[in-house]
Amino acid sequence: MRLKDIAELIKSDVIDLTDGPFHVDIQSDDGGTHIVIQLEWHQDSQKILNFMSKNYKETRIIIMNIPEGTLNFLRITFERRHKKS
């Protein structure tokens, strides 16, 4: 299965695991390509990490706790940069 397809499955799983804002993205570093789950509600991170470790053993997944409001800020900044004139 392609990493893009796995990321979509993870999105649908995370929806059931948290009520807080999150973002799932495919990124890469020196260790290769991986999936990053950014969470604003830190209290859900351990539950999500345990679920991902059990259900996606062959996929490198990073759980990133980010400050509340970060995803909304990034979304607004992106929309302003890409707004058509």
Protein backbone atom coordinates (compact mmCIF):
# COMPACT_ATOMS: atom_id res chain seq x y z
CA MET A 1 0.00 0.00 0.00
CA ARG A 2 1.29 3.47 -0.84
CA LEU A 3 2.24 5.84 1.97
CA LYS A 4 -0.39 8.31 0.73
CA ASP A 5 -3.09 5.65 1.17
CA ILE A 6 -1.81 4.77 4.64
CA ALA A 7 -1.92 8.47 5.60
CA GLU A 8 -5.59 8.59 4.59
CA LEU A 9 -6.35 5.53 6.73
CA ILE A 10 -4.53 7.13 9.64
CA LYS A 11 -6.60 10.30 9.26
CA SER A 12 -9.80 8.30 9.57
CA ASP A 13 -8.42 6.49 12.64
CA VAL A 14 -7.27 9.69 14.38
CA ILE A 15 -10.74 11.19 13.97
CA ASP A 16 -12.02 8.40 16.24
CA LEU A 17 -9.17 8.80 18.75
CA THR A 18 -9.28 12.54 19.46
CA ASP A 19 -11.75 15.40 19.45
CA GLY A 20 -8.95 17.94 19.15
CA PRO A 21 -7.42 19.50 16.06
CA PHE A 22 -4.83 17.43 14.22
CA HIS A 23 -2.99 17.27 10.93
CA VAL A 24 -1.55 14.21 9.16
CA ASP A 25 1.24 14.78 6.66
CA ILE A 26 3.92 12.85 4.78
CA GLN A 27 7.43 14.18 5.40
CA SER A 28 11.00 13.00 5.00
CA ASP A 29 14.30 13.37 6.80
CA ASP A 30 17.64 11.54 6.93
CA GLY A 31 15.81 8.40 8.10
CA GLY A 32 13.53 8.36 5.05
CA THR A 33 9.90 9.11 4.38
CA HIS A 34 7.45 8.95 7.28
CA ILE A 35 4.01 10.08 8.43
CA VAL A 36 3.72 12.92 10.95
CA ILE A 37 0.63 13.35 13.11
CA GLN A 38 0.48 16.83 14.64
CA LEU A 39 -1.75 17.07 17.72
CA GLU A 40 -2.90 20.17 19.58
CA TRP A 41 -4.53 18.16 22.40
CA HIS A 42 -1.51 16.58 24.09
CA GLN A 43 -3.59 14.40 26.43
CA ASP A 44 -4.52 12.18 23.45
CA SER A 45 -0.97 11.61 22.21
CA GLN A 46 -0.22 8.46 24.25
CA LYS A 47 -3.49 6.82 23.20
CA ILE A 48 -2.80 7.62 19.55
CA LEU A 49 0.83 6.46 19.79
CA ASN A 50 -0.26 3.11 21.28
CA PHE A 51 -2.91 2.64 18.57
CA MET A 52 -0.47 3.48 15.75
CA SER A 53 2.23 1.20 17.19
CA LYS A 54 -0.17 -1.76 17.25
CA ASN A 55 -1.91 -1.18 13.92
CA TYR A 56 0.79 0.32 11.67
CA LYS A 57 3.91 -1.65 12.68
CA GLU A 58 5.53 -1.43 9.25
CA THR A 59 5.09 2.34 8.90
CA ARG A 60 7.32 4.99 10.47
CA ILE A 61 5.01 7.40 12.29
CA ILE A 62 5.98 10.45 14.35
CA ILE A 63 3.53 11.96 16.84
CA MET A 64 4.21 15.69 17.25
CA ASN A 65 2.61 17.69 20.06
CA ILE A 66 2.21 21.29 18.94
CA PRO A 67 0.87 24.37 20.79
CA GLU A 68 -2.88 24.97 20.68
CA GLY A 69 -3.90 27.30 17.85
CA THR A 70 -0.90 26.41 15.66
CA LEU A 71 -2.91 24.56 13.02
CA ASN A 72 -5.39 27.41 12.68
CA PHE A 73 -2.53 29.91 12.34
CA LEU A 74 -0.79 27.80 9.69
CA ARG A 75 -4.03 27.36 7.74
CA ILE A 76 -4.72 31.12 7.67
CA THR A 77 -1.12 31.90 6.62
CA PHE A 78 -1.25 29.30 3.82
CA GLU A 79 -4.59 30.61 2.52
CA ARG A 80 -3.32 34.20 2.42
CA ARG A 81 -0.21 33.17 0.47
CA HIS A 82 -2.16 31.15 -2.07
CA LYS A 83 -5.19 33.40 -2.45
CA LYS A 84 -5.93 34.16 -6.07
CA SER A 85 -6.03 37.84 -6.96
